[in-house]
């Protein structure tokens, strides 16, 4: 299902707990020009903007993404030869 985005509205990139009211699904959005994350709580109306690179990283690291990144197809494990049994002196007589 594709989320419809209203004209002029920044899409949700994740969800985080609101630090003001504690609502656990406050949407995290990305500003169009600066590409910085901000919190826009629908429950209490609080908006929290990141103005520095560090605060942007903190918001993004603590949010739950809207769409989990697709797992890369795991490359098949290379075939490994089974280890050969070492010959011992007793193998000469068998």
PDB file of N, CA and C in Angstrom:
ATOM      1  N   UNK A   1       0.845  -1.179   0.000  1.00  0.00           N
ATOM      2  CA  UNK A   1       0.000   0.000   0.000  1.00  0.00           C
ATOM      3  C   UNK A   1       0.887   1.237   0.000  1.00  0.00           C
ATOM      4  N   UNK A   2       0.630   2.165  -0.884  1.00  0.00           N
ATOM      5  CA  UNK A   2       1.412   3.382  -1.007  1.00  0.00           C
ATOM      6  C   UNK A   2       0.715   4.498  -0.248  1.00  0.00           C
ATOM      7  N   UNK A   3       1.481   5.204   0.588  1.00  0.00           N
ATOM      8  CA  UNK A   3       0.915   6.316   1.339  1.00  0.00           C
ATOM      9  C   UNK A   3       0.737   7.506   0.405  1.00  0.00           C
ATOM     10  N   UNK A   4      -0.453   8.117   0.436  1.00  0.00           N
ATOM     11  CA  UNK A   4      -0.669   9.303  -0.364  1.00  0.00           C
ATOM     12  C   UNK A   4      -0.129  10.501   0.400  1.00  0.00           C
ATOM     13  N   UNK A   5       0.555  11.365  -0.305  1.00  0.00           N
ATOM     14  CA  UNK A   5       1.128  12.555   0.312  1.00  0.00           C
ATOM     15  C   UNK A   5       0.405  13.762  -0.252  1.00  0.00           C
ATOM     16  N   UNK A   6      -0.123  14.581   0.636  1.00  0.00           N
ATOM     17  CA  UNK A   6      -0.811  15.786   0.209  1.00  0.00           C
ATOM     18  C   UNK A   6       0.191  16.749  -0.401  1.00  0.00           C
ATOM     19  N   UNK A   7      -0.270  17.582  -1.320  1.00  0.00           N
ATOM     20  CA  UNK A   7       0.599  18.570  -1.946  1.00  0.00           C
ATOM     21  C   UNK A   7       1.164  19.497  -0.873  1.00  0.00           C
ATOM     22  N   UNK A   8       2.456  19.678  -0.867  1.00  0.00           N
ATOM     23  CA  UNK A   8       3.103  20.556   0.093  1.00  0.00           C
ATOM     24  C   UNK A   8       3.404  19.916   1.429  1.00  0.00           C
ATOM     25  N   UNK A   9       2.952  18.686   1.649  1.00  0.00           N
ATOM     26  CA  UNK A   9       3.195  18.023   2.927  1.00  0.00           C
ATOM     27  C   UNK A   9       4.397  17.091   2.796  1.00  0.00           C
ATOM     28  N   UNK A  10       5.285  17.178   3.741  1.00  0.00           N
ATOM     29  CA  UNK A  10       6.446  16.301   3.734  1.00  0.00           C
ATOM     30  C   UNK A  10       6.026  14.898   4.153  1.00  0.00           C
ATOM     31  N   UNK A  11       6.520  13.867   3.470  1.00  0.00           N
ATOM     32  CA  UNK A  11       6.104  12.499   3.800  1.00  0.00           C
ATOM     33  C   UNK A  11       6.701  12.028   5.129  1.00  0.00           C
ATOM     34  N   UNK A  12       5.990  11.118   5.770  1.00  0.00           N
ATOM     35  CA  UNK A  12       6.495  10.514   7.006  1.00  0.00           C
ATOM     36  C   UNK A  12       7.639   9.567   6.652  1.00  0.00           C
ATOM     37  N   UNK A  13       8.751   9.690   7.388  1.00  0.00           N
ATOM     38  CA  UNK A  13       9.874   8.775   7.163  1.00  0.00           C
ATOM     39  C   UNK A  13      10.016   7.801   8.322  1.00  0.00           C
ATOM     40  N   UNK A  14       9.284   8.049   9.415  1.00  0.00           N
ATOM     41  CA  UNK A  14       9.359   7.157  10.562  1.00  0.00           C
ATOM     42  C   UNK A  14       8.445   7.619  11.675  1.00  0.00           C
ATOM     43  N   UNK A  15       8.541   6.921  12.801  1.00  0.00           N
ATOM     44  CA  UNK A  15       7.733   7.243  13.984  1.00  0.00           C
ATOM     45  C   UNK A  15       8.629   7.204  15.213  1.00  0.00           C
ATOM     46  N   UNK A  16       8.299   8.066  16.180  1.00  0.00           N
ATOM     47  CA  UNK A  16       9.100   8.172  17.401  1.00  0.00           C
ATOM     48  C   UNK A  16       8.155   8.562  18.544  1.00  0.00           C
ATOM     49  N   UNK A  17       8.548   8.303  19.761  1.00  0.00           N
ATOM     50  CA  UNK A  17       7.754   8.731  20.915  1.00  0.00           C
ATOM     51  C   UNK A  17       7.915  10.239  21.105  1.00  0.00           C
ATOM     52  N   UNK A  18       6.794  10.914  21.286  1.00  0.00           N
ATOM     53  CA  UNK A  18       6.825  12.369  21.487  1.00  0.00           C
ATOM     54  C   UNK A  18       7.430  12.663  22.860  1.00  0.00           C
ATOM     55  N   UNK A  19       8.445  13.522  22.930  1.00  0.00           N
ATOM     56  CA  UNK A  19       9.046  13.836  24.227  1.00  0.00           C
ATOM     57  C   UNK A  19       8.166  14.725  25.109  1.00  0.00           C
ATOM     58  N   UNK A  20       7.098  15.313  24.557  1.00  0.00           N
ATOM     59  CA  UNK A  20       6.234  16.195  25.332  1.00  0.00           C
ATOM     60  C   UNK A  20       5.076  15.423  25.964  1.00  0.00           C
ATOM     61  N   UNK A  21       4.310  14.684  25.125  1.00  0.00           N
ATOM     62  CA  UNK A  21       3.114  14.010  25.643  1.00  0.00           C
ATOM     63  C   UNK A  21       3.289  12.501  25.792  1.00  0.00           C
ATOM     64  N   UNK A  22       4.353  11.942  25.211  1.00  0.00           N
ATOM     65  CA  UNK A  22       4.604  10.513  25.339  1.00  0.00           C
ATOM     66  C   UNK A  22       3.905   9.651  24.300  1.00  0.00           C
ATOM     67  N   UNK A  23       3.181  10.273  23.355  1.00  0.00           N
ATOM     68  CA  UNK A  23       2.521   9.513  22.282  1.00  0.00           C
ATOM     69  C   UNK A  23       3.584   8.725  21.522  1.00  0.00           C
ATOM     70  N   UNK A  24       3.379   7.412  21.407  1.00  0.00           N
ATOM     71  CA  UNK A  24       4.458   6.564  20.882  1.00  0.00           C
ATOM     72  C   UNK A  24       4.549   6.499  19.366  1.00  0.00           C
ATOM     73  N   UNK A  25       3.644   7.148  18.638  1.00  0.00           N
ATOM     74  CA  UNK A  25       3.680   7.089  17.177  1.00  0.00           C
ATOM     75  C   UNK A  25       3.662   8.478  16.545  1.00  0.00           C
ATOM     76  N   UNK A  26       4.450   9.389  17.096  1.00  0.00           N
ATOM     77  CA  UNK A  26       4.540  10.722  16.509  1.00  0.00           C
ATOM     78  C   UNK A  26       5.337  10.620  15.209  1.00  0.00           C
ATOM     79  N   UNK A  27       4.779  11.111  14.091  1.00  0.00           N
ATOM     80  CA  UNK A  27       5.475  10.970  12.818  1.00  0.00           C
ATOM     81  C   UNK A  27       6.745  11.823  12.754  1.00  0.00           C
ATOM     82  N   UNK A  28       7.750  11.259  12.130  1.00  0.00           N
ATOM     83  CA  UNK A  28       8.987  11.973  11.836  1.00  0.00           C
ATOM     84  C   UNK A  28       8.947  12.270  10.348  1.00  0.00           C
ATOM     85  N   UNK A  29       9.181  13.521  10.006  1.00  0.00           N
ATOM     86  CA  UNK A  29       9.160  13.935   8.604  1.00  0.00           C
ATOM     87  C   UNK A  29      10.503  14.541   8.232  1.00  0.00           C
ATOM     88  N   UNK A  30      10.710  14.708   6.933  1.00  0.00           N
ATOM     89  CA  UNK A  30      11.966  15.267   6.441  1.00  0.00           C
ATOM     90  C   UNK A  30      11.666  16.579   5.720  1.00  0.00           C
ATOM     91  N   UNK A  31      12.411  17.627   6.088  1.00  0.00           N
ATOM     92  CA  UNK A  31      12.244  18.909   5.423  1.00  0.00           C
ATOM     93  C   UNK A  31      12.744  18.795   3.988  1.00  0.00           C
ATOM     94  N   UNK A  32      12.043  19.433   3.071  1.00  0.00           N
ATOM     95  CA  UNK A  32      12.373  19.279   1.655  1.00  0.00           C
ATOM     96  C   UNK A  32      13.741  19.849   1.289  1.00  0.00           C
ATOM     97  N   UNK A  33      14.043  21.035   1.724  1.00  0.00           N
ATOM     98  CA  UNK A  33      15.292  21.672   1.306  1.00  0.00           C
ATOM     99  C   UNK A  33      16.503  21.207   2.102  1.00  0.00           C
ATOM    100  N   UNK A  34      16.379  21.207   3.422  1.00  0.00           N
ATOM    101  CA  UNK A  34      17.537  20.869   4.258  1.00  0.00           C
ATOM    102  C   UNK A  34      17.711  19.376   4.450  1.00  0.00           C
ATOM    103  N   UNK A  35      16.657  18.573   4.164  1.00  0.00           N
ATOM    104  CA  UNK A  35      16.684  17.120   4.327  1.00  0.00           C
ATOM    105  C   UNK A  35      16.887  16.717   5.787  1.00  0.00           C
ATOM    106  N   UNK A  36      16.554  17.618   6.720  1.00  0.00           N
ATOM    107  CA  UNK A  36      16.664  17.307   8.147  1.00  0.00           C
ATOM    108  C   UNK A  36      15.336  16.781   8.660  1.00  0.00           C
ATOM    109  N   UNK A  37      15.437  15.900   9.645  1.00  0.00           N
ATOM    110  CA  UNK A  37      14.247  15.282  10.227  1.00  0.00           C
ATOM    111  C   UNK A  37      13.611  16.218  11.262  1.00  0.00           C
ATOM    112  N   UNK A  38      12.285  16.120  11.385  1.00  0.00           N
ATOM    113  CA  UNK A  38      11.577  16.834  12.446  1.00  0.00           C
ATOM    114  C   UNK A  38      10.410  15.989  12.917  1.00  0.00           C
ATOM    115  N   UNK A  39      10.002  16.227  14.165  1.00  0.00           N
ATOM    116  CA  UNK A  39       8.898  15.499  14.782  1.00  0.00           C
ATOM    117  C   UNK A  39       7.669  16.394  14.742  1.00  0.00           C
ATOM    118  N   UNK A  40       6.533  15.826  14.336  1.00  0.00           N
ATOM    119  CA  UNK A  40       5.282  16.571  14.272  1.00  0.00           C
ATOM    120  C   UNK A  40       4.205  15.723  14.951  1.00  0.00           C
ATOM    121  N   UNK A  41       4.036  15.901  16.260  1.00  0.00           N
ATOM    122  CA  UNK A  41       3.119  15.071  17.025  1.00  0.00           C
ATOM    123  C   UNK A  41       1.671  15.438  16.725  1.00  0.00           C
ATOM    124  N   UNK A  42       0.903  14.432  16.290  1.00  0.00           N
ATOM    125  CA  UNK A  42      -0.508  14.650  15.974  1.00  0.00           C
ATOM    126  C   UNK A  42      -1.374  14.731  17.237  1.00  0.00           C
ATOM    127  N   UNK A  43      -0.898  14.194  18.348  1.00  0.00           N
ATOM    128  CA  UNK A  43      -1.682  14.183  19.586  1.00  0.00           C
ATOM    129  C   UNK A  43      -1.668  15.539  20.292  1.00  0.00           C
ATOM    130  N   UNK A  44      -0.470  16.113  20.478  1.00  0.00           N
ATOM    131  CA  UNK A  44      -0.376  17.360  21.244  1.00  0.00           C
ATOM    132  C   UNK A  44      -0.032  18.576  20.376  1.00  0.00           C
ATOM    133  N   UNK A  45       0.271  18.332  19.092  1.00  0.00           N
ATOM    134  CA  UNK A  45       0.547  19.451  18.191  1.00  0.00           C
ATOM    135  C   UNK A  45       1.961  19.990  18.255  1.00  0.00           C
ATOM    136  N   UNK A  46       2.845  19.356  19.006  1.00  0.00           N
ATOM    137  CA  UNK A  46       4.215  19.820  19.129  1.00  0.00           C
ATOM    138  C   UNK A  46       4.996  19.542  17.860  1.00  0.00           C
ATOM    139  N   UNK A  47       5.827  20.492  17.462  1.00  0.00           N
ATOM    140  CA  UNK A  47       6.759  20.306  16.356  1.00  0.00           C
ATOM    141  C   UNK A  47       8.160  20.523  16.889  1.00  0.00           C
ATOM    142  N   UNK A  48       9.037  19.564  16.633  1.00  0.00           N
ATOM    143  CA  UNK A  48      10.419  19.667  17.089  1.00  0.00           C
ATOM    144  C   UNK A  48      11.314  19.530  15.866  1.00  0.00           C
ATOM    145  N   UNK A  49      12.066  20.586  15.587  1.00  0.00           N
ATOM    146  CA  UNK A  49      12.926  20.617  14.406  1.00  0.00           C
ATOM    147  C   UNK A  49      14.380  20.411  14.793  1.00  0.00           C
ATOM    148  N   UNK A  50      15.102  19.704  13.965  1.00  0.00           N
ATOM    149  CA  UNK A  50      16.543  19.540  14.189  1.00  0.00           C
ATOM    150  C   UNK A  50      17.252  20.634  13.397  1.00  0.00           C
ATOM    151  N   UNK A  51      18.096  21.360  14.072  1.00  0.00           N
ATOM    152  CA  UNK A  51      18.809  22.462  13.422  1.00  0.00           C
ATOM    153  C   UNK A  51      20.278  22.126  13.164  1.00  0.00           C
ATOM    154  N   UNK A  52      20.758  21.087  13.790  1.00  0.00           N
ATOM    155  CA  UNK A  52      22.162  20.710  13.657  1.00  0.00           C
ATOM    156  C   UNK A  52      22.249  19.265  13.177  1.00  0.00           C
ATOM    157  N   UNK A  53      23.369  18.923  12.617  1.00  0.00           N
ATOM    158  CA  UNK A  53      23.583  17.574  12.098  1.00  0.00           C
ATOM    159  C   UNK A  53      23.440  16.533  13.193  1.00  0.00           C
ATOM    160  N   UNK A  54      23.940  16.828  14.386  1.00  0.00           N
ATOM    161  CA  UNK A  54      23.871  15.864  15.481  1.00  0.00           C
ATOM    162  C   UNK A  54      22.420  15.596  15.895  1.00  0.00           C
ATOM    163  N   UNK A  55      21.601  16.618  15.989  1.00  0.00           N
ATOM    164  CA  UNK A  55      20.201  16.395  16.375  1.00  0.00           C
ATOM    165  C   UNK A  55      19.451  15.651  15.274  1.00  0.00           C
ATOM    166  N   UNK A  56      19.804  15.894  14.036  1.00  0.00           N
ATOM    167  CA  UNK A  56      19.204  15.154  12.929  1.00  0.00           C
ATOM    168  C   UNK A  56      19.548  13.668  13.043  1.00  0.00           C
ATOM    169  N   UNK A  57      20.807  13.372  13.340  1.00  0.00           N
ATOM    170  CA  UNK A  57      21.235  11.973  13.513  1.00  0.00           C
ATOM    171  C   UNK A  57      20.524  11.323  14.694  1.00  0.00           C
ATOM    172  N   UNK A  58      20.353  12.048  15.781  1.00  0.00           N
ATOM    173  CA  UNK A  58      19.697  11.498  16.969  1.00  0.00           C
ATOM    174  C   UNK A  58      18.239  11.145  16.684  1.00  0.00           C
ATOM    175  N   UNK A  59      17.526  12.029  16.017  1.00  0.00           N
ATOM    176  CA  UNK A  59      16.125  11.737  15.695  1.00  0.00           C
ATOM    177  C   UNK A  59      16.050  10.519  14.795  1.00  0.00           C
ATOM    178  N   UNK A  60      16.868  10.485  13.764  1.00  0.00           N
ATOM    179  CA  UNK A  60      16.829   9.375  12.811  1.00  0.00           C
ATOM    180  C   UNK A  60      17.246   8.046  13.448  1.00  0.00           C
ATOM    181  N   UNK A  61      18.185   8.091  14.381  1.00  0.00           N
ATOM    182  CA  UNK A  61      18.640   6.841  14.999  1.00  0.00           C
ATOM    183  C   UNK A  61      17.618   6.275  15.978  1.00  0.00           C
ATOM    184  N   UNK A  62      16.767   7.136  16.536  1.00  0.00           N
ATOM    185  CA  UNK A  62      15.790   6.683  17.524  1.00  0.00           C
ATOM    186  C   UNK A  62      14.411   6.377  16.930  1.00  0.00           C
ATOM    187  N   UNK A  63      14.189   6.753  15.670  1.00  0.00           N
ATOM    188  CA  UNK A  63      12.868   6.533  15.077  1.00  0.00           C
ATOM    189  C   UNK A  63      12.738   5.114  14.528  1.00  0.00           C
ATOM    190  N   UNK A  64      11.483   4.678  14.420  1.00  0.00           N
ATOM    191  CA  UNK A  64      11.165   3.423  13.738  1.00  0.00           C
ATOM    192  C   UNK A  64      10.824   3.799  12.309  1.00  0.00           C
ATOM    193  N   UNK A  65      11.531   3.261  11.315  1.00  0.00           N
ATOM    194  CA  UNK A  65      11.259   3.663   9.932  1.00  0.00           C
ATOM    195  C   UNK A  65       9.863   3.243   9.470  1.00  0.00           C
ATOM    196  N   UNK A  66       9.299   4.029   8.550  1.00  0.00           N
ATOM    197  CA  UNK A  66       7.993   3.716   7.982  1.00  0.00           C
ATOM    198  C   UNK A  66       8.079   2.411   7.211  1.00  0.00           C
ATOM    199  N   UNK A  67       9.052   2.330   6.349  1.00  0.00           N
ATOM    200  CA  UNK A  67       9.252   1.124   5.556  1.00  0.00           C
ATOM    201  C   UNK A  67      10.615   0.567   5.919  1.00  0.00           C
ATOM    202  N   UNK A  68      10.632  -0.637   6.448  1.00  0.00           N
ATOM    203  CA  UNK A  68      11.905  -1.262   6.796  1.00  0.00           C
ATOM    204  C   UNK A  68      12.696  -1.496   5.525  1.00  0.00           C
ATOM    205  N   UNK A  69      14.004  -1.255   5.562  1.00  0.00           N
ATOM    206  CA  UNK A  69      14.805  -1.482   4.367  1.00  0.00           C
ATOM    207  C   UNK A  69      14.742  -2.941   3.946  1.00  0.00           C
ATOM    208  N   UNK A  70      14.652  -3.156   2.651  1.00  0.00           N
ATOM    209  CA  UNK A  70      14.576  -4.523   2.137  1.00  0.00           C
ATOM    210  C   UNK A  70      15.891  -5.241   2.393  1.00  0.00           C
ATOM    211  N   UNK A  71      15.760  -6.464   2.856  1.00  0.00           N
ATOM    212  CA  UNK A  71      16.967  -7.253   3.080  1.00  0.00           C
ATOM    213  C   UNK A  71      17.610  -7.546   1.742  1.00  0.00           C
ATOM    214  N   UNK A  72      18.897  -7.327   1.694  1.00  0.00           N
ATOM    215  CA  UNK A  72      19.604  -7.651   0.472  1.00  0.00           C
ATOM    216  C   UNK A  72      19.615  -9.166   0.335  1.00  0.00           C
ATOM    217  N   UNK A  73      19.452  -9.598  -0.886  1.00  0.00           N
ATOM    218  CA  UNK A  73      19.475 -11.046  -1.113  1.00  0.00           C
ATOM    219  C   UNK A  73      20.842 -11.563  -0.689  1.00  0.00           C
ATOM    220  N   UNK A  74      20.801 -12.465   0.245  1.00  0.00           N
ATOM    221  CA  UNK A  74      22.058 -12.999   0.757  1.00  0.00           C
ATOM    222  C   UNK A  74      22.737 -13.814  -0.339  1.00  0.00           C
ATOM    223  N   UNK A  75      23.991 -13.517  -0.531  1.00  0.00           N
ATOM    224  CA  UNK A  75      24.758 -14.270  -1.523  1.00  0.00           C
ATOM    225  C   UNK A  75      24.909 -15.695  -1.012  1.00  0.00           C
ATOM    226  N   UNK A  76      24.792 -16.651  -1.899  1.00  0.00           N
ATOM    227  CA  UNK A  76      24.940 -18.027  -1.440  1.00  0.00           C
ATOM    228  C   UNK A  76      26.340 -18.250  -0.886  1.00  0.00           C
ATOM    229  N   UNK A  77      26.392 -19.028   0.156  1.00  0.00           N
ATOM    230  CA  UNK A  77      27.684 -19.305   0.783  1.00  0.00           C
ATOM    231  C   UNK A  77      28.548 -20.102  -0.188  1.00  0.00           C
ATOM    232  N   UNK A  78      29.813 -19.766  -0.260  1.00  0.00           N
ATOM    233  CA  UNK A  78      30.679 -20.516  -1.161  1.00  0.00           C
ATOM    234  C   UNK A  78      30.787 -21.963  -0.707  1.00  0.00           C
ATOM    235  N   UNK A  79      30.849 -22.834  -1.693  1.00  0.00           N
ATOM    236  CA  UNK A  79      30.966 -24.251  -1.352  1.00  0.00           C
ATOM    237  C   UNK A  79      32.354 -24.516  -0.801  1.00  0.00           C
ATOM    238  N   UNK A  80      32.379 -25.208   0.291  1.00  0.00           N
ATOM    239  CA  UNK A  80      33.638 -25.510   0.950  1.00  0.00           C
ATOM    240  C   UNK A  80      33.838 -27.022   0.927  1.00  0.00           C
ATOM    241  N   UNK A  81      35.014 -27.408   0.543  1.00  0.00           N
ATOM    242  CA  UNK A  81      35.294 -28.846   0.551  1.00  0.00           C
ATOM    243  C   UNK A  81      35.350 -29.338   1.981  1.00  0.00           C
ATOM    244  N   UNK A  82      34.813 -30.523   2.219  1.00  0.00           N
ATOM    245  CA  UNK A  82      34.917 -31.051   3.578  1.00  0.00           C
ATOM    246  C   UNK A  82      36.381 -31.336   3.880  1.00  0.00           C
ATOM    247  N   UNK A  83      36.773 -31.096   5.111  1.00  0.00           N
ATOM    248  CA  UNK A  83      38.174 -31.328   5.444  1.00  0.00           C
ATOM    249  C   UNK A  83      38.534 -32.809   5.284  1.00  0.00           C
ATOM    250  N   UNK A  84      39.708 -33.018   4.742  1.00  0.00           N
ATOM    251  CA  UNK A  84      40.173 -34.399   4.575  1.00  0.00           C
ATOM    252  C   UNK A  84      40.764 -34.883   5.889  1.00  0.00           C
ATOM    253  N   UNK A  85      40.517 -36.127   6.153  1.00  0.00           N
ATOM    254  CA  UNK A  85      41.105 -36.699   7.359  1.00  0.00           C
ATOM    255  C   UNK A  85      42.609 -36.835   7.131  1.00  0.00           C
ATOM    256  N   UNK A  86      43.350 -36.427   8.098  1.00  0.00           N
ATOM    257  CA  UNK A  86      44.804 -36.551   7.969  1.00  0.00           C
ATOM    258  C   UNK A  86      45.205 -38.019   8.030  1.00  0.00           C
ATOM    259  N   UNK A  87      46.153 -38.360   7.215  1.00  0.00           N
ATOM    260  CA  UNK A  87      46.638 -39.744   7.228  1.00  0.00           C
ATOM    261  C   UNK A  87      47.564 -39.929   8.413  1.00  0.00           C
ATOM    262  N   UNK A  88      47.398 -41.053   9.008  1.00  0.00           N
ATOM    263  CA  UNK A  88      48.279 -41.390  10.116  1.00  0.00           C
ATOM    264  C   UNK A  88      49.117 -42.594   9.723  1.00  0.00           C
ATOM    265  N   UNK A  89      50.018 -42.940  10.524  1.00  0.00           N
ATOM    266  CA  UNK A  89      50.874 -44.090  10.258  1.00  0.00           C
ATOM    267  C   UNK A  89      50.080 -45.377  10.157  1.00  0.00           C
ATOM    268  N   UNK A  90      48.955 -45.442  10.846  1.00  0.00           N
ATOM    269  CA  UNK A  90      48.134 -46.646  10.829  1.00  0.00           C
ATOM    270  C   UNK A  90      47.396 -46.821   9.513  1.00  0.00           C
ATOM    271  N   UNK A  91      47.198 -45.709   8.733  1.00  0.00           N
ATOM    272  CA  UNK A  91      46.499 -45.807   7.459  1.00  0.00           C
ATOM    273  C   UNK A  91      47.321 -46.575   6.420  1.00  0.00           C
ATOM    274  N   UNK A  92      48.582 -46.675   6.608  1.00  0.00           N
ATOM    275  CA  UNK A  92      49.419 -47.415   5.646  1.00  0.00           C
ATOM    276  C   UNK A  92      49.108 -48.904   5.665  1.00  0.00           C
ATOM    277  N   UNK A  93      48.602 -49.419   6.748  1.00  0.00           N
ATOM    278  CA  UNK A  93      48.359 -50.852   6.889  1.00  0.00           C
ATOM    279  C   UNK A  93      46.924 -51.234   6.519  1.00  0.00           C
ATOM    280  N   UNK A  94      46.078 -50.278   6.152  1.00  0.00           N
ATOM    281  CA  UNK A  94      44.700 -50.626   5.839  1.00  0.00           C
ATOM    282  C   UNK A  94      44.454 -50.639   4.354  1.00  0.00           C
TER     283      UNK A  94
END
